[in-house]
Amino acid sequence: MLPALRAVLLDLDGTLIDRDAALRACLRHHGVPGEALEQLLDLDGTDNNSLAALSRELHQRRARLAPDPESLAKQLREQLPRFVTPNPAISASLMRLTQAGLRLALISNGGPTQRLKLAAARIDPAHFEIIHISGEQAHAKPDRAVFKSTLSALDLPASATLMIGDSANDDILGAQTLDIPTLWISHNRRYPANRVAPTLIAPDFPSAAAIVLAKLA
């Protein structure tokens, strides 16, 4: 199915690192109990994981944490890398992809903490030929300009690449605007019925890497 594949484009949060686990640990650190914690994570999920809605709700519950919701969101964002847990299976999967001759590009929305998350996860930036972090660039996913500039930097057509990510909107829809084949990381969720289906689906990144390598064989 992927005979022309030359490069893999990769999301960071929810794909190469477990952002939800890090956020849970961060909220526990601030004394948020289990039931409220899950409610806050669900709220963040409906807000494209921006921390804005979560911080507004958390500030109402625990105003002592920060002077205002915006300050609280900034504080949580800066603290998140401290709670990222390395997963050796992720680094091993990245290594297998590169050993198979595939070029890797990291495409992540976010700011300076994205590189800190990479370091905390013990993911070597040298795995990636290109690192595009929206806070360092002019565009963010799902803007097609992000994907277009990545294809240009790789000097490859869309058909020679594959986008792997967990966001149906930012990763899959964004890549589909340029006809880039896609692999959605489901985390055992259902893909939105009102969206064009991804090319492939896997429950997590190590499984996704295994599928890609099998398709190359």
N, C-alpha and C. Protein backbone atom coordinates (compact mmCIF):
# COMPACT_ATOMS: atom_id res chain seq x y z
N MET A 1 0.82 -1.21 0.00
CA MET A 1 0.00 0.00 0.00
C MET A 1 0.85 1.26 0.00
N LEU A 2 2.10 1.17 0.51
CA LEU A 2 2.96 2.35 0.60
C LEU A 2 4.29 2.10 -0.12
N PRO A 3 4.26 1.63 -1.35
CA PRO A 3 5.52 1.28 -2.03
C PRO A 3 6.41 2.47 -2.31
N ALA A 4 5.80 3.68 -2.43
CA ALA A 4 6.59 4.87 -2.77
C ALA A 4 7.03 5.64 -1.54
N LEU A 5 6.78 5.12 -0.35
CA LEU A 5 7.03 5.89 0.88
C LEU A 5 8.51 6.17 1.07
N ARG A 6 8.80 7.45 1.27
CA ARG A 6 10.18 7.88 1.50
C ARG A 6 10.35 8.60 2.84
N ALA A 7 9.26 9.20 3.35
CA ALA A 7 9.37 9.99 4.57
C ALA A 7 8.09 9.89 5.39
N VAL A 8 8.24 10.02 6.70
CA VAL A 8 7.11 9.99 7.63
C VAL A 8 7.07 11.31 8.39
N LEU A 9 5.90 11.94 8.39
CA LEU A 9 5.67 13.17 9.14
C LEU A 9 4.99 12.80 10.44
N LEU A 10 5.49 13.32 11.55
CA LEU A 10 5.04 12.87 12.86
C LEU A 10 4.57 14.01 13.75
N ASP A 11 3.45 13.79 14.40
CA ASP A 11 2.96 14.67 15.46
C ASP A 11 3.72 14.36 16.74
N LEU A 12 3.66 15.26 17.72
CA LEU A 12 4.34 15.03 19.00
C LEU A 12 3.34 14.64 20.10
N ASP A 13 2.51 15.59 20.55
CA ASP A 13 1.60 15.33 21.67
C ASP A 13 0.54 14.30 21.29
N GLY A 14 0.46 13.23 22.07
CA GLY A 14 -0.52 12.19 21.81
C GLY A 14 -0.05 11.16 20.81
N THR A 15 1.10 11.40 20.19
CA THR A 15 1.65 10.46 19.22
C THR A 15 2.99 9.91 19.72
N LEU A 16 3.97 10.79 19.90
CA LEU A 16 5.27 10.36 20.40
C LEU A 16 5.41 10.51 21.91
N ILE A 17 4.58 11.35 22.52
CA ILE A 17 4.56 11.44 23.98
C ILE A 17 3.11 11.35 24.47
N ASP A 18 2.95 10.85 25.68
CA ASP A 18 1.62 10.73 26.28
C ASP A 18 1.30 12.02 27.04
N ARG A 19 0.78 12.99 26.30
CA ARG A 19 0.47 14.29 26.90
C ARG A 19 -0.58 14.16 27.99
N ASP A 20 -1.60 13.33 27.77
CA ASP A 20 -2.67 13.19 28.76
C ASP A 20 -2.13 12.67 30.08
N ALA A 21 -1.22 11.70 30.02
CA ALA A 21 -0.63 11.16 31.25
C ALA A 21 0.18 12.23 31.97
N ALA A 22 0.92 13.05 31.19
CA ALA A 22 1.70 14.13 31.79
C ALA A 22 0.79 15.16 32.42
N LEU A 23 -0.32 15.48 31.74
CA LEU A 23 -1.26 16.46 32.28
C LEU A 23 -1.94 15.93 33.54
N ARG A 24 -2.31 14.66 33.54
CA ARG A 24 -2.89 14.06 34.75
C ARG A 24 -1.93 14.19 35.93
N ALA A 25 -0.66 13.84 35.68
CA ALA A 25 0.34 13.91 36.76
C ALA A 25 0.53 15.34 37.23
N CYS A 26 0.51 16.29 36.31
CA CYS A 26 0.66 17.70 36.66
C CYS A 26 -0.51 18.17 37.53
N LEU A 27 -1.73 17.79 37.14
CA LEU A 27 -2.92 18.19 37.91
C LEU A 27 -2.94 17.52 39.28
N ARG A 28 -2.51 16.27 39.34
CA ARG A 28 -2.42 15.59 40.65
C ARG A 28 -1.43 16.34 41.55
N HIS A 29 -0.34 16.80 40.95
CA HIS A 29 0.67 17.56 41.69
C HIS A 29 0.05 18.79 42.34
N HIS A 30 -0.98 19.35 41.69
CA HIS A 30 -1.67 20.52 42.23
C HIS A 30 -2.87 20.12 43.09
N GLY A 31 -2.99 18.85 43.42
CA GLY A 31 -4.01 18.40 44.35
C GLY A 31 -5.39 18.20 43.76
N VAL A 32 -5.49 18.09 42.44
CA VAL A 32 -6.79 17.86 41.82
C VAL A 32 -7.18 16.39 42.00
N PRO A 33 -8.33 16.09 42.57
CA PRO A 33 -8.73 14.70 42.81
C PRO A 33 -9.15 13.99 41.52
N GLY A 34 -9.24 12.66 41.59
CA GLY A 34 -9.45 11.83 40.41
C GLY A 34 -10.65 12.19 39.56
N GLU A 35 -11.82 12.31 40.15
CA GLU A 35 -13.03 12.57 39.36
C GLU A 35 -12.94 13.92 38.66
N ALA A 36 -12.52 14.94 39.38
CA ALA A 36 -12.38 16.27 38.79
C ALA A 36 -11.30 16.28 37.73
N LEU A 37 -10.26 15.49 37.96
CA LEU A 37 -9.15 15.42 37.02
C LEU A 37 -9.63 14.94 35.65
N GLU A 38 -10.42 13.87 35.64
CA GLU A 38 -10.92 13.33 34.37
C GLU A 38 -11.88 14.31 33.69
N GLN A 39 -12.68 15.00 34.48
CA GLN A 39 -13.57 16.01 33.91
C GLN A 39 -12.77 17.12 33.24
N LEU A 40 -11.68 17.52 33.86
CA LEU A 40 -10.84 18.58 33.30
C LEU A 40 -10.16 18.12 32.02
N LEU A 41 -9.70 16.87 31.99
CA LEU A 41 -9.08 16.35 30.77
C LEU A 41 -10.08 16.25 29.64
N ASP A 42 -11.30 15.84 29.95
CA ASP A 42 -12.34 15.79 28.92
C ASP A 42 -12.61 17.19 28.37
N LEU A 43 -12.65 18.17 29.27
CA LEU A 43 -12.88 19.55 28.85
C LEU A 43 -11.75 20.02 27.94
N ASP A 44 -10.53 19.68 28.29
CA ASP A 44 -9.38 20.08 27.48
C ASP A 44 -9.45 19.44 26.10
N GLY A 45 -9.94 18.19 26.05
CA GLY A 45 -10.05 17.51 24.77
C GLY A 45 -11.03 18.17 23.83
N THR A 46 -12.08 18.77 24.39
CA THR A 46 -13.06 19.46 23.54
C THR A 46 -12.57 20.84 23.12
N ASP A 47 -11.45 21.28 23.70
CA ASP A 47 -10.89 22.61 23.42
C ASP A 47 -9.58 22.49 22.65
N ASN A 48 -9.43 21.38 21.91
CA ASN A 48 -8.24 21.14 21.08
C ASN A 48 -6.95 21.15 21.91
N ASN A 49 -7.07 20.69 23.16
CA ASN A 49 -5.91 20.56 24.05
C ASN A 49 -5.12 21.86 24.20
N SER A 50 -5.86 22.97 24.23
CA SER A 50 -5.19 24.28 24.33
C SER A 50 -4.90 24.70 25.77
N LEU A 51 -5.51 24.00 26.74
CA LEU A 51 -5.44 24.31 28.18
C LEU A 51 -6.26 25.54 28.56
N ALA A 52 -6.85 26.21 27.58
CA ALA A 52 -7.61 27.43 27.89
C ALA A 52 -8.87 27.11 28.69
N ALA A 53 -9.71 26.22 28.17
CA ALA A 53 -10.95 25.88 28.88
C ALA A 53 -10.65 25.19 30.20
N LEU A 54 -9.69 24.30 30.19
CA LEU A 54 -9.30 23.61 31.43
C LEU A 54 -8.88 24.62 32.49
N SER A 55 -8.07 25.59 32.10
CA SER A 55 -7.56 26.58 33.06
C SER A 55 -8.66 27.49 33.59
N ARG A 56 -9.64 27.81 32.75
CA ARG A 56 -10.76 28.61 33.24
C ARG A 56 -11.54 27.86 34.32
N GLU A 57 -11.79 26.57 34.05
CA GLU A 57 -12.53 25.77 35.02
C GLU A 57 -11.71 25.52 36.28
N LEU A 58 -10.44 25.21 36.12
CA LEU A 58 -9.59 24.93 37.27
C LEU A 58 -9.41 26.19 38.11
N HIS A 59 -9.34 27.35 37.48
CA HIS A 59 -9.18 28.59 38.24
C HIS A 59 -10.42 28.89 39.07
N GLN A 60 -11.60 28.52 38.57
CA GLN A 60 -12.82 28.69 39.36
C GLN A 60 -12.80 27.80 40.60
N ARG A 61 -12.22 26.63 40.45
CA ARG A 61 -12.17 25.67 41.56
C ARG A 61 -11.02 25.97 42.53
N ARG A 62 -9.89 26.44 41.97
CA ARG A 62 -8.69 26.65 42.80
C ARG A 62 -8.02 27.97 42.41
N ALA A 63 -8.63 29.05 42.77
CA ALA A 63 -8.14 30.37 42.38
C ALA A 63 -6.75 30.66 42.93
N ARG A 64 -6.39 29.98 44.00
CA ARG A 64 -5.09 30.24 44.63
C ARG A 64 -3.91 29.81 43.74
N LEU A 65 -4.17 29.00 42.71
CA LEU A 65 -3.08 28.48 41.89
C LEU A 65 -2.42 29.55 41.02
N ALA A 66 -3.18 30.56 40.62
CA ALA A 66 -2.65 31.61 39.75
C ALA A 66 -3.58 32.82 39.80
N PRO A 67 -3.10 34.00 39.44
CA PRO A 67 -3.93 35.20 39.52
C PRO A 67 -5.12 35.20 38.56
N ASP A 68 -5.00 34.49 37.43
CA ASP A 68 -6.07 34.47 36.44
C ASP A 68 -5.92 33.22 35.59
N PRO A 69 -6.95 32.85 34.81
CA PRO A 69 -6.87 31.62 33.99
C PRO A 69 -5.74 31.63 32.98
N GLU A 70 -5.45 32.77 32.39
CA GLU A 70 -4.39 32.84 31.40
C GLU A 70 -3.03 32.53 32.03
N SER A 71 -2.80 33.08 33.22
CA SER A 71 -1.55 32.79 33.93
C SER A 71 -1.47 31.32 34.32
N LEU A 72 -2.62 30.76 34.69
CA LEU A 72 -2.65 29.35 35.07
C LEU A 72 -2.33 28.47 33.87
N ALA A 73 -2.90 28.78 32.70
CA ALA A 73 -2.61 28.00 31.49
C ALA A 73 -1.13 28.05 31.16
N LYS A 74 -0.52 29.23 31.28
CA LYS A 74 0.91 29.39 31.01
C LYS A 74 1.73 28.57 32.00
N GLN A 75 1.31 28.59 33.26
CA GLN A 75 2.01 27.83 34.29
C GLN A 75 1.95 26.33 34.02
N LEU A 76 0.77 25.83 33.69
CA LEU A 76 0.61 24.40 33.40
C LEU A 76 1.43 24.00 32.17
N ARG A 77 1.40 24.86 31.16
CA ARG A 77 2.14 24.57 29.92
C ARG A 77 3.64 24.45 30.20
N GLU A 78 4.14 25.35 31.04
CA GLU A 78 5.56 25.34 31.37
C GLU A 78 5.94 24.16 32.25
N GLN A 79 4.98 23.69 33.05
CA GLN A 79 5.27 22.58 33.97
C GLN A 79 5.16 21.21 33.31
N LEU A 80 4.39 21.11 32.23
CA LEU A 80 4.12 19.81 31.61
C LEU A 80 5.37 18.97 31.32
N PRO A 81 6.45 19.55 30.77
CA PRO A 81 7.61 18.71 30.47
C PRO A 81 8.15 17.95 31.68
N ARG A 82 7.98 18.50 32.88
CA ARG A 82 8.46 17.83 34.09
C ARG A 82 7.74 16.52 34.34
N PHE A 83 6.56 16.36 33.76
CA PHE A 83 5.75 15.19 34.05
C PHE A 83 5.68 14.22 32.86
N VAL A 84 6.46 14.49 31.82
CA VAL A 84 6.53 13.58 30.68
C VAL A 84 7.38 12.37 31.05
N THR A 85 6.87 11.18 30.78
CA THR A 85 7.57 9.94 31.09
C THR A 85 8.16 9.33 29.82
N PRO A 86 9.46 9.03 29.82
CA PRO A 86 10.05 8.40 28.63
C PRO A 86 9.43 7.03 28.36
N ASN A 87 9.27 6.71 27.10
CA ASN A 87 8.76 5.40 26.68
C ASN A 87 9.78 4.80 25.71
N PRO A 88 10.58 3.84 26.15
CA PRO A 88 11.62 3.28 25.27
C PRO A 88 11.08 2.71 23.97
N ALA A 89 9.82 2.26 23.97
CA ALA A 89 9.23 1.70 22.75
C ALA A 89 9.10 2.76 21.65
N ILE A 90 8.92 4.02 22.05
CA ILE A 90 8.80 5.10 21.06
C ILE A 90 10.14 5.31 20.35
N SER A 91 11.20 5.46 21.14
CA SER A 91 12.52 5.67 20.54
C SER A 91 12.94 4.49 19.69
N ALA A 92 12.62 3.28 20.15
CA ALA A 92 12.96 2.08 19.38
C ALA A 92 12.22 2.06 18.05
N SER A 93 10.96 2.49 18.06
CA SER A 93 10.17 2.53 16.83
C SER A 93 10.71 3.57 15.86
N LEU A 94 11.10 4.73 16.38
CA LEU A 94 11.71 5.76 15.53
C LEU A 94 12.99 5.24 14.88
N MET A 95 13.78 4.52 15.67
CA MET A 95 15.03 3.96 15.15
C MET A 95 14.76 2.95 14.05
N ARG A 96 13.74 2.12 14.23
CA ARG A 96 13.42 1.12 13.21
C ARG A 96 12.98 1.79 11.90
N LEU A 97 12.24 2.89 12.01
CA LEU A 97 11.81 3.60 10.81
C LEU A 97 13.01 4.18 10.06
N THR A 98 13.94 4.78 10.79
CA THR A 98 15.12 5.36 10.14
C THR A 98 16.02 4.27 9.58
N GLN A 99 16.13 3.16 10.28
CA GLN A 99 16.95 2.05 9.78
C GLN A 99 16.36 1.46 8.50
N ALA A 100 15.05 1.62 8.32
CA ALA A 100 14.40 1.15 7.09
C ALA A 100 14.59 2.13 5.94
N GLY A 101 15.30 3.23 6.21
CA GLY A 101 15.60 4.20 5.17
C GLY A 101 14.61 5.33 5.05
N LEU A 102 13.70 5.44 6.01
CA LEU A 102 12.70 6.50 5.96
C LEU A 102 13.23 7.78 6.60
N ARG A 103 12.92 8.90 5.99
CA ARG A 103 13.26 10.20 6.55
C ARG A 103 12.11 10.64 7.46
N LEU A 104 12.43 11.28 8.58
CA LEU A 104 11.42 11.67 9.55
C LEU A 104 11.36 13.18 9.70
N ALA A 105 10.13 13.68 9.81
CA ALA A 105 9.90 15.11 10.07
C ALA A 105 8.92 15.23 11.22
N LEU A 106 9.23 16.07 12.18
CA LEU A 106 8.33 16.32 13.32
C LEU A 106 7.55 17.59 13.04
N ILE A 107 6.21 17.50 13.12
CA ILE A 107 5.34 18.66 12.90
C ILE A 107 4.45 18.80 14.13
N SER A 108 4.70 19.82 14.94
CA SER A 108 4.00 19.94 16.21
C SER A 108 3.48 21.36 16.42
N ASN A 109 2.24 21.45 16.88
CA ASN A 109 1.75 22.74 17.36
C ASN A 109 2.25 22.96 18.77
N GLY A 110 2.49 24.21 19.13
CA GLY A 110 2.95 24.51 20.48
C GLY A 110 4.09 25.51 20.47
N GLY A 111 4.66 25.73 21.65
CA GLY A 111 5.72 26.71 21.81
C GLY A 111 7.03 26.10 22.27
N PRO A 112 7.82 26.84 23.04
CA PRO A 112 9.15 26.38 23.46
C PRO A 112 9.12 25.09 24.27
N THR A 113 8.01 24.82 24.96
CA THR A 113 7.97 23.62 25.79
C THR A 113 7.96 22.34 24.95
N GLN A 114 7.69 22.43 23.65
CA GLN A 114 7.69 21.22 22.82
C GLN A 114 9.08 20.59 22.78
N ARG A 115 10.10 21.40 22.65
CA ARG A 115 11.47 20.86 22.65
C ARG A 115 11.85 20.33 24.03
N LEU A 116 11.32 20.96 25.08
CA LEU A 116 11.56 20.45 26.44
C LEU A 116 10.88 19.10 26.63
N LYS A 117 9.70 18.91 26.03
CA LYS A 117 9.02 17.62 26.11
C LYS A 117 9.83 16.54 25.40
N LEU A 118 10.39 16.88 24.24
CA LEU A 118 11.24 15.92 23.54
C LEU A 118 12.39 15.46 24.43
N ALA A 119 13.04 16.43 25.09
CA ALA A 119 14.16 16.10 25.96
C ALA A 119 13.70 15.25 27.14
N ALA A 120 12.55 15.60 27.73
CA ALA A 120 12.04 14.85 28.88
C ALA A 120 11.67 13.43 28.48
N ALA A 121 11.19 13.26 27.25
CA ALA A 121 10.82 11.93 26.75
C ALA A 121 12.04 11.15 26.28
N ARG A 122 13.20 11.78 26.30
CA ARG A 122 14.46 11.17 25.84
C ARG A 122 14.36 10.73 24.38
N ILE A 123 13.73 11.59 23.59
CA ILE A 123 13.66 11.38 22.15
C ILE A 123 14.72 12.26 21.51
N ASP A 124 15.66 11.65 20.83
CA ASP A 124 16.77 12.38 20.23
C ASP A 124 16.27 13.20 19.04
N PRO A 125 16.44 14.52 19.09
CA PRO A 125 16.01 15.36 17.95
C PRO A 125 16.70 14.98 16.64
N ALA A 126 17.85 14.29 16.75
CA ALA A 126 18.58 13.89 15.55
C ALA A 126 17.81 12.87 14.71
N HIS A 127 16.77 12.26 15.29
CA HIS A 127 15.92 11.37 14.50
C HIS A 127 15.25 12.10 13.34
N PHE A 128 15.05 13.43 13.53
CA PHE A 128 14.21 14.18 12.60
C PHE A 128 15.05 15.06 11.68
N GLU A 129 14.82 14.91 10.40
CA GLU A 129 15.48 15.76 9.42
C GLU A 129 14.92 17.18 9.49
N ILE A 130 13.64 17.28 9.83
CA ILE A 130 12.96 18.57 9.94
C ILE A 130 12.16 18.59 11.24
N ILE A 131 12.24 19.70 11.97
CA ILE A 131 11.39 19.91 13.14
C ILE A 131 10.64 21.21 12.93
N HIS A 132 9.32 21.11 12.78
CA HIS A 132 8.46 22.29 12.61
C HIS A 132 7.59 22.41 13.85
N ILE A 133 7.85 23.43 14.65
CA ILE A 133 7.05 23.73 15.84
C ILE A 133 6.35 25.06 15.58
N SER A 134 5.03 25.05 15.70
CA SER A 134 4.24 26.21 15.24
C SER A 134 4.67 27.51 15.92
N GLY A 135 5.05 27.44 17.19
CA GLY A 135 5.47 28.64 17.90
C GLY A 135 6.75 29.25 17.36
N GLU A 136 7.48 28.47 16.58
CA GLU A 136 8.73 28.95 15.99
C GLU A 136 8.54 29.32 14.51
N GLN A 137 7.34 29.07 13.99
CA GLN A 137 7.06 29.27 12.58
C GLN A 137 5.86 30.19 12.42
N ALA A 138 5.48 30.41 11.17
CA ALA A 138 4.36 31.32 10.89
C ALA A 138 3.02 30.61 10.85
N HIS A 139 3.02 29.27 10.81
CA HIS A 139 1.78 28.54 10.62
C HIS A 139 1.67 27.38 11.61
N ALA A 140 0.42 26.98 11.88
CA ALA A 140 0.14 25.84 12.76
C ALA A 140 -0.79 24.88 12.04
N LYS A 141 -0.70 23.60 12.40
CA LYS A 141 -1.66 22.61 11.87
C LYS A 141 -3.06 23.00 12.31
N PRO A 142 -4.08 22.83 11.49
CA PRO A 142 -4.10 22.08 10.23
C PRO A 142 -3.85 22.92 8.98
N ASP A 143 -3.30 24.11 9.10
CA ASP A 143 -3.03 24.95 7.93
C ASP A 143 -2.21 24.16 6.90
N ARG A 144 -2.68 24.12 5.68
CA ARG A 144 -2.00 23.36 4.64
C ARG A 144 -0.61 23.88 4.38
N ALA A 145 -0.34 25.15 4.75
CA ALA A 145 0.98 25.72 4.55
C ALA A 145 2.05 24.96 5.33
N VAL A 146 1.66 24.43 6.51
CA VAL A 146 2.60 23.64 7.32
C VAL A 146 3.05 22.42 6.55
N PHE A 147 2.10 21.71 5.97
CA PHE A 147 2.40 20.48 5.26
C PHE A 147 3.10 20.78 3.93
N LYS A 148 2.68 21.85 3.29
CA LYS A 148 3.30 22.22 2.01
C LYS A 148 4.77 22.57 2.19
N SER A 149 5.08 23.31 3.25
CA SER A 149 6.47 23.70 3.48
C SER A 149 7.32 22.49 3.86
N THR A 150 6.70 21.52 4.56
CA THR A 150 7.44 20.31 4.94
C THR A 150 7.75 19.48 3.70
N LEU A 151 6.78 19.32 2.81
CA LEU A 151 7.02 18.60 1.55
C LEU A 151 8.11 19.30 0.74
N SER A 152 8.07 20.62 0.73
CA SER A 152 9.06 21.38 -0.02
C SER A 152 10.46 21.18 0.57
N ALA A 153 10.55 21.21 1.89
CA ALA A 153 11.85 21.02 2.55
C ALA A 153 12.40 19.62 2.31
N LEU A 154 11.51 18.64 2.26
CA LEU A 154 11.93 17.26 2.00
C LEU A 154 12.17 17.02 0.51
N ASP A 155 11.65 17.93 -0.34
CA ASP A 155 11.72 17.79 -1.79
C ASP A 155 11.09 16.47 -2.23
N LEU A 156 9.89 16.22 -1.69
CA LEU A 156 9.17 14.98 -1.99
C LEU A 156 7.73 15.31 -2.34
N PRO A 157 7.11 14.49 -3.20
CA PRO A 157 5.67 14.66 -3.45
C PRO A 157 4.87 14.09 -2.29
N ALA A 158 3.61 14.49 -2.19
CA ALA A 158 2.75 14.00 -1.11
C ALA A 158 2.67 12.49 -1.10
N SER A 159 2.65 11.87 -2.27
CA SER A 159 2.50 10.42 -2.37
C SER A 159 3.67 9.65 -1.78
N ALA A 160 4.80 10.32 -1.55
CA ALA A 160 5.98 9.66 -1.00
C ALA A 160 6.10 9.85 0.51
N THR A 161 5.06 10.43 1.11
CA THR A 161 5.09 10.69 2.55
C THR A 161 3.86 10.09 3.23
N LEU A 162 3.91 10.07 4.55
CA LEU A 162 2.79 9.59 5.37
C LEU A 162 2.75 10.43 6.64
N MET A 163 1.57 10.98 6.97
CA MET A 163 1.41 11.73 8.21
C MET A 163 0.85 10.82 9.28
N ILE A 164 1.51 10.77 10.43
CA ILE A 164 1.05 9.98 11.57
C ILE A 164 0.73 10.93 12.72
N GLY A 165 -0.50 10.88 13.21
CA GLY A 165 -0.88 11.74 14.33
C GLY A 165 -2.18 11.29 14.95
N ASP A 166 -2.49 11.87 16.11
CA ASP A 166 -3.68 11.44 16.85
C ASP A 166 -4.86 12.40 16.71
N SER A 167 -4.66 13.54 16.07
CA SER A 167 -5.73 14.53 15.92
C SER A 167 -6.39 14.40 14.56
N ALA A 168 -7.70 14.08 14.57
CA ALA A 168 -8.44 13.96 13.31
C ALA A 168 -8.44 15.28 12.56
N ASN A 169 -8.40 16.38 13.28
CA ASN A 169 -8.44 17.70 12.65
C ASN A 169 -7.04 18.18 12.27
N ASP A 170 -6.18 18.35 13.25
CA ASP A 170 -4.88 18.96 12.99
C ASP A 170 -3.99 18.09 12.12
N ASP A 171 -3.94 16.80 12.39
CA ASP A 171 -3.02 15.91 11.69
C ASP A 171 -3.62 15.31 10.42
N ILE A 172 -4.78 14.68 10.56
CA ILE A 172 -5.34 13.94 9.43
C ILE A 172 -5.97 14.88 8.41
N LEU A 173 -6.89 15.73 8.84
CA LEU A 173 -7.52 16.66 7.91
C LEU A 173 -6.48 17.59 7.28
N GLY A 174 -5.56 18.08 8.10
CA GLY A 174 -4.53 18.97 7.57
C GLY A 174 -3.73 18.32 6.46
N ALA A 175 -3.32 17.07 6.67
CA ALA A 175 -2.54 16.36 5.65
C ALA A 175 -3.38 16.05 4.42
N GLN A 176 -4.65 15.73 4.65
CA GLN A 176 -5.53 15.37 3.53
C GLN A 176 -5.73 16.53 2.56
N THR A 177 -5.58 17.76 3.02
CA THR A 177 -5.75 18.90 2.12
C THR A 177 -4.72 18.91 1.00
N LEU A 178 -3.60 18.18 1.22
CA LEU A 178 -2.57 18.07 0.19
C LEU A 178 -2.44 16.64 -0.33
N ASP A 179 -3.45 15.82 -0.02
CA ASP A 179 -3.45 14.41 -0.48
C ASP A 179 -2.29 13.61 0.07
N ILE A 180 -1.84 13.97 1.26
CA ILE A 180 -0.81 13.17 1.94
C ILE A 180 -1.49 11.97 2.58
N PRO A 181 -1.04 10.74 2.33
CA PRO A 181 -1.60 9.58 3.02
C PRO A 181 -1.46 9.76 4.53
N THR A 182 -2.39 9.18 5.29
CA THR A 182 -2.44 9.44 6.73
C THR A 182 -2.59 8.15 7.53
N LEU A 183 -2.07 8.19 8.74
CA LEU A 183 -2.26 7.10 9.71
C LEU A 183 -2.67 7.75 11.02
N TRP A 184 -3.88 7.42 11.46
CA TRP A 184 -4.44 8.02 12.67
C TRP A 184 -4.14 7.15 13.88
N ILE A 185 -3.60 7.76 14.94
CA ILE A 185 -3.39 7.08 16.22
C ILE A 185 -4.70 7.18 17.00
N SER A 186 -5.38 6.06 17.17
CA SER A 186 -6.75 6.09 17.70
C SER A 186 -6.84 6.14 19.22
N HIS A 187 -5.84 5.59 19.91
CA HIS A 187 -5.98 5.43 21.37
C HIS A 187 -7.34 4.81 21.70
N ASN A 188 -7.75 3.87 20.85
CA ASN A 188 -9.01 3.13 21.01
C ASN A 188 -10.26 4.01 20.93
N ARG A 189 -10.16 5.13 20.21
CA ARG A 189 -11.32 5.98 19.95
C ARG A 189 -11.89 5.63 18.58
N ARG A 190 -13.13 6.06 18.33
CA ARG A 190 -13.73 5.93 17.01
C ARG A 190 -13.37 7.16 16.18
N TYR A 191 -13.07 6.94 14.91
CA TYR A 191 -12.78 8.08 14.05
C TYR A 191 -14.09 8.81 13.76
N PRO A 192 -14.09 10.15 13.76
CA PRO A 192 -15.33 10.91 13.52
C PRO A 192 -16.03 10.49 12.22
N ALA A 193 -17.29 10.16 12.34
CA ALA A 193 -18.04 9.62 11.19
C ALA A 193 -18.22 10.65 10.08
N ASN A 194 -18.15 11.93 10.42
CA ASN A 194 -18.38 12.98 9.42
C ASN A 194 -17.11 13.42 8.72
N ARG A 195 -16.01 12.70 8.92
CA ARG A 195 -14.72 13.05 8.31
C ARG A 195 -14.31 12.01 7.28
N VAL A 196 -13.50 12.42 6.32
CA VAL A 196 -12.90 11.47 5.38
C VAL A 196 -11.94 10.57 6.16
N ALA A 197 -12.10 9.27 6.02
CA ALA A 197 -11.32 8.33 6.81
C ALA A 197 -9.83 8.42 6.49
N PRO A 198 -8.97 8.19 7.48
CA PRO A 198 -7.53 8.15 7.22
C PRO A 198 -7.17 6.92 6.39
N THR A 199 -6.00 6.93 5.83
CA THR A 199 -5.53 5.79 5.04
C THR A 199 -5.38 4.55 5.91
N LEU A 200 -4.83 4.74 7.11
CA LEU A 200 -4.57 3.65 8.03
C LEU A 200 -4.92 4.10 9.44
N ILE A 201 -5.14 3.13 10.33
CA ILE A 201 -5.42 3.41 11.75
C ILE A 201 -4.60 2.45 12.60
N ALA A 202 -4.04 2.96 13.71
CA ALA A 202 -3.33 2.12 14.67
C ALA A 202 -3.64 2.63 16.07
N PRO A 203 -3.58 1.77 17.09
CA PRO A 203 -3.92 2.21 18.45
C PRO A 203 -2.87 3.10 19.10
N ASP A 204 -1.59 2.96 18.69
CA ASP A 204 -0.52 3.74 19.30
C ASP A 204 0.65 3.81 18.32
N PHE A 205 1.66 4.58 18.68
CA PHE A 205 2.75 4.79 17.73
C PHE A 205 3.58 3.55 17.45
N PRO A 206 3.97 2.76 18.45
CA PRO A 206 4.72 1.53 18.11
C PRO A 206 3.95 0.63 17.14
N SER A 207 2.63 0.54 17.34
CA SER A 207 1.82 -0.26 16.41
C SER A 207 1.81 0.38 15.03
N ALA A 208 1.74 1.72 14.98
CA ALA A 208 1.77 2.43 13.71
C ALA A 208 3.07 2.17 12.97
N ALA A 209 4.19 2.25 13.69
CA ALA A 209 5.49 2.00 13.06
C ALA A 209 5.57 0.58 12.51
N ALA A 210 5.03 -0.39 13.26
CA ALA A 210 5.03 -1.77 12.79
C ALA A 210 4.22 -1.93 11.51
N ILE A 211 3.07 -1.25 11.45
CA ILE A 211 2.22 -1.29 10.24
C ILE A 211 2.98 -0.71 9.05
N VAL A 212 3.64 0.43 9.26
CA VAL A 212 4.38 1.08 8.17
C VAL A 212 5.48 0.15 7.66
N LEU A 213 6.22 -0.45 8.57
CA LEU A 213 7.33 -1.31 8.17
C LEU A 213 6.81 -2.54 7.42
N ALA A 214 5.66 -3.06 7.85
CA ALA A 214 5.07 -4.21 7.17
C ALA A 214 4.62 -3.84 5.76
N LYS A 215 4.10 -2.62 5.59
CA LYS A 215 3.64 -2.17 4.27
C LYS A 215 4.82 -1.96 3.32
N LEU A 216 6.00 -1.69 3.87
CA LEU A 216 7.18 -1.49 3.04
C LEU A 216 7.74 -2.79 2.52
N ALA A 217 7.49 -3.86 3.25
CA ALA A 217 8.09 -5.16 2.92
C ALA A 217 7.54 -5.71 1.59
